[in-house]
Amino acid sequence: MDILAWMDIALQKAEESLRAGEVPVGCLFIYNNEVRATGNNTVNETCNATRHAEINCIDQVLKFCTEKHLAYETVFHNLDVIVTVEPCIMCVSALLQLQVRSIVYGCANDRFGGCVSVLQVPKFYDPKIVIRGNVKGEEAMRLLQNFYKGVNPNAPEPKVKKGRNAKGTWSTESNSFFNSEFM
């Protein structure tokens, strides 16, 4: 398997996501040295926070297994995941439970990364999965930076709770739970 060539295809999927107004993450699931699933985030399109590129690919592989009358366990155990950004905690948990053969990712995910950046999810499992990061990571990071330069039109409006001061602590002058004798 030529990891760099596969990552180039995943980066193209990430660019498609960026053009569609989604977080630019591209993903490939490789089985028997063939692309079995391609995915990108569809969170904004579907208004569903779980529709990450990896989850969309999992759905495609399950459909493939059903159509070809294959045991999904066998397929996933022989499947390599190529994704432009370190999978989040949810996605890496799903991939570990499915026991994919390997996960190769581009850049780290400092907000939600489940391989190493935020939480080392593999420590909770007995993984025999090879995980490799920083494959064309700079290219993947540039796509993320381009996305976050703009504004996500589907992001909810920030809500400021009444009774909080600028630092996010309760004010004793508001209708707060605590009064000055407790402070």
Foldseek 3Di string as FASTA:
>chain_A
DPLLVVLVVQQVQLVVCLVVLHQRKKKFKAFPNHTQFIFAACCLVVVNPVRHRLVRRVVSLVVVCVVVVHDLLVRQLRIEMEMAEADFQVNVVVSQVSQHAEYEYAAYDCPGHQCPRPHNVCVVDVHPYHYYYNNNNVSSVVSNVVSVVDDRPRDDDDDDDPQADPVRDGDLVDPDPDHPVVD
